[in-house]
C-alpha atoms as a PDB file:
ATOM      1  CA  MET A   1      -0.039  -0.026  -0.001  1.00  0.00           C
ATOM      2  CA  SER A   2       2.854   2.388   0.842  1.00  0.00           C
ATOM      3  CA  SER A   3       5.312   3.561  -1.837  1.00  0.00           C
ATOM      4  CA  SER A   4       8.293   5.836  -1.862  1.00  0.00           C
ATOM      5  CA  SER A   5       7.179   9.312  -3.224  1.00  0.00           C
ATOM      6  CA  SER A   6       8.635  12.723  -3.679  1.00  0.00           C
ATOM      7  CA  PRO A   7       6.703  15.910  -3.562  1.00  0.00           C
ATOM      8  CA  ALA A   8       7.219  16.359  -7.214  1.00  0.00           C
ATOM      9  CA  GLN A   9       5.432  13.172  -8.130  1.00  0.00           C
ATOM     10  CA  THR A  10       1.741  12.979  -8.648  1.00  0.00           C
ATOM     11  CA  LYS A  11      -0.256  10.101  -7.323  1.00  0.00           C
ATOM     12  CA  ARG A  12      -3.743   8.584  -7.889  1.00  0.00           C
ATOM     13  CA  CYS A  13      -5.890   7.090  -5.270  1.00  0.00           C
ATOM     14  CA  GLN A  14      -6.024   3.365  -5.310  1.00  0.00           C
ATOM     15  CA  TYR A  15      -9.640   3.419  -4.164  1.00  0.00           C
ATOM     16  CA  CYS A  16     -11.291   5.900  -6.618  1.00  0.00           C
ATOM     17  CA  GLY A  17      -8.638   6.984  -9.048  1.00  0.00           C
ATOM     18  CA  ALA A  18      -8.693  10.616  -8.117  1.00  0.00           C
ATOM     19  CA  ALA A  19      -5.638  12.825  -7.776  1.00  0.00           C
ATOM     20  CA  MET A  20      -3.985  12.869  -4.285  1.00  0.00           C
ATOM     21  CA  VAL A  21      -2.263  15.735  -2.592  1.00  0.00           C
ATOM     22  CA  LEU A  22       0.783  15.579  -0.462  1.00  0.00           C
ATOM     23  CA  ARG A  23       0.275  16.774   3.139  1.00  0.00           C
ATOM     24  CA  VAL A  24       2.182  16.911   6.268  1.00  0.00           C
ATOM     25  CA  SER A  25       0.759  15.678   9.598  1.00  0.00           C
ATOM     26  CA  LYS A  26       0.185  18.156  12.283  1.00  0.00           C
ATOM     27  CA  SER A  27      -0.944  15.611  14.897  1.00  0.00           C
ATOM     28  CA  ASP A  28       1.252  15.262  18.059  1.00  0.00           C
ATOM     29  CA  LYS A  29       1.903  11.584  17.300  1.00  0.00           C
ATOM     30  CA  ASN A  30       2.898  11.974  13.633  1.00  0.00           C
ATOM     31  CA  ARG A  31       4.031  15.654  13.420  1.00  0.00           C
ATOM     32  CA  GLY A  32       6.000  16.392  10.358  1.00  0.00           C
ATOM     33  CA  LYS A  33       5.347  13.019   8.783  1.00  0.00           C
ATOM     34  CA  PRO A  34       4.179  13.330   5.079  1.00  0.00           C
ATOM     35  CA  PHE A  35       1.166  11.563   3.729  1.00  0.00           C
ATOM     36  CA  TRP A  36      -0.974  11.319   0.591  1.00  0.00           C
ATOM     37  CA  LYS A  37      -4.731  12.344   0.934  1.00  0.00           C
ATOM     38  CA  CYS A  38      -7.357  11.717  -1.853  1.00  0.00           C
ATOM     39  CA  LEU A  39      -8.825  15.097  -3.007  1.00  0.00           C
ATOM     40  CA  THR A  40     -12.285  13.503  -3.078  1.00  0.00           C
ATOM     41  CA  SER A  41     -12.078  13.079   0.712  1.00  0.00           C
ATOM     42  CA  TYR A  42     -12.655  16.732   1.084  1.00  0.00           C
ATOM     43  CA  GLY A  43     -15.828  16.848  -0.928  1.00  0.00           C
ATOM     44  CA  ALA A  44     -19.477  15.477  -0.707  1.00  0.00           C
ATOM     45  CA  THR A  45     -18.372  12.248  -2.289  1.00  0.00           C
ATOM     46  CA  SER A  46     -15.521  10.846  -0.023  1.00  0.00           C
ATOM     47  CA  CYS A  47     -13.447   7.715  -0.443  1.00  0.00           C
ATOM     48  CA  ASN A  48     -11.097   8.559   2.449  1.00  0.00           C
ATOM     49  CA  GLY A  49      -8.082   7.606   0.319  1.00  0.00           C
ATOM     50  CA  PHE A  50      -4.975   8.080   2.648  1.00  0.00           C
ATOM     51  CA  GLU A  51      -1.447   6.667   2.539  1.00  0.00           C
ATOM     52  CA  TRP A  52       1.729   7.435   4.512  1.00  0.00           C
ATOM     53  CA  VAL A  53       4.788   8.271   2.575  1.00  0.00           C
ATOM     54  CA  ASP A  54       7.651   6.084   3.241  1.00  0.00           C
ATOM     55  CA  VAL A  55      10.613   7.997   4.355  1.00  0.00           C
ATOM     56  CA  THR A  56      13.827   7.284   6.055  1.00  0.00           C
ATOM     57  CA  SER A  57      14.389   8.540   9.495  1.00  0.00           C
ATOM     58  CA  ALA A  58      16.834  11.254   8.211  1.00  0.00           C
ATOM     59  CA  GLU A  59      14.087  12.459   5.794  1.00  0.00           C
ATOM     60  CA  ALA A  60      11.482  12.376   8.559  1.00  0.00           C
ATOM     61  CA  ASP A  61      13.621  14.530  10.712  1.00  0.00           C
ATOM     62  CA  GLN A  62      14.220  16.956   7.746  1.00  0.00           C
ATOM     63  CA  GLN A  63      10.248  17.125   7.310  1.00  0.00           C
ATOM     64  CA  ALA A  64       9.914  17.675  11.002  1.00  0.00           C
ATOM     65  CA  ASP A  65      12.446  20.581  10.932  1.00  0.00           C
ATOM     66  CA  MET A  66      10.890  22.173   7.978  1.00  0.00           C
ATOM     67  CA  TYR A  67       7.501  21.948   9.667  1.00  0.00           C
ATOM     68  CA  ASP A  68       8.889  23.525  12.702  1.00  0.00           C
ATOM     69  CA  ALA A  69      10.653  26.255  10.799  1.00  0.00           C
ATOM     70  CA  THR A  70       7.540  26.996   8.931  1.00  0.00           C
ATOM     71  CA  VAL A  71       5.527  27.352  12.210  1.00  0.00           C
ATOM     72  CA  LEU A  72       8.352  29.670  13.677  1.00  0.00           C
ATOM     73  CA  ASN A  73       8.062  31.746  10.574  1.00  0.00           C
ATOM     74  CA  MET A  74       4.296  31.921  10.816  1.00  0.00           C
ATOM     75  CA  LEU A  75       4.652  33.087  14.588  1.00  0.00           C
ATOM     76  CA  LYS A  76       7.018  35.706  13.664  1.00  0.00           C
ATOM     77  CA  SER A  77       4.635  37.024  10.939  1.00  0.00           C
ATOM     78  CA  ILE A  78       1.788  37.071  13.468  1.00  0.00           C
ATOM     79  CA  LYS A  79       4.070  38.945  15.958  1.00  0.00           C
ATOM     80  CA  ASP A  80       4.948  41.444  13.295  1.00  0.00           C
ATOM     81  CA  LEU A  81       1.433  41.905  12.236  1.00  0.00           C
ATOM     82  CA  VAL A  82       0.275  42.399  15.894  1.00  0.00           C
ATOM     83  CA  LEU A  83       3.003  45.076  16.212  1.00  0.00           C
ATOM     84  CA  VAL A  84       1.705  47.004  13.094  1.00  0.00           C
ATOM     85  CA  LEU A  85      -1.861  46.752  14.336  1.00  0.00           C
ATOM     86  CA  LEU A  86      -0.720  48.199  17.620  1.00  0.00           C
ATOM     87  CA  VAL A  87       1.190  51.100  15.910  1.00  0.00           C
ATOM     88  CA  VAL A  88      -1.977  51.842  13.702  1.00  0.00           C
ATOM     89  CA  SER A  89      -4.188  51.879  16.689  1.00  0.00           C
ATOM     90  CA  ILE A  90      -1.977  54.289  18.487  1.00  0.00           C
ATOM     91  CA  VAL A  91      -1.900  56.615  15.442  1.00  0.00           C
ATOM     92  CA  ILE A  92      -5.825  56.336  15.018  1.00  0.00           C
ATOM     93  CA  LEU A  93      -6.200  57.264  18.813  1.00  0.00           C
ATOM     94  CA  PHE A  94      -3.833  60.154  18.531  1.00  0.00           C
ATOM     95  CA  VAL A  95      -5.660  61.417  15.418  1.00  0.00           C
ATOM     96  CA  LEU A  96      -9.033  61.153  17.291  1.00  0.00           C
ATOM     97  CA  LEU A  97      -7.617  62.863  20.361  1.00  0.00           C
ATOM     98  CA  MET A  98      -6.196  65.702  18.231  1.00  0.00           C
ATOM     99  CA  THR A  99      -9.498  66.207  16.409  1.00  0.00           C
ATOM    100  CA  ASN A 100     -11.651  66.484  19.597  1.00  0.00           C
END
């Protein structure tokens, strides 16, 4: 059932023949582990096609590190956005106080 796959490859669901998409697990148990998910499993007609990607432990560690780096970058972006919103709020408050 499992096969060695790279992200550049396309894969078809063994159950319904639809295209599959490569995802990375976010669960605590399998964090960073890549898997194939059938695209029809997101619609009204669902076959629930699912397959783990066979990876060596080094590849799995690399996937987990990439996932962690992505999360850290997202958190930094959120922090930057909050800072911008704070500055904009202060400017708006200042303008409102000056106009009254």
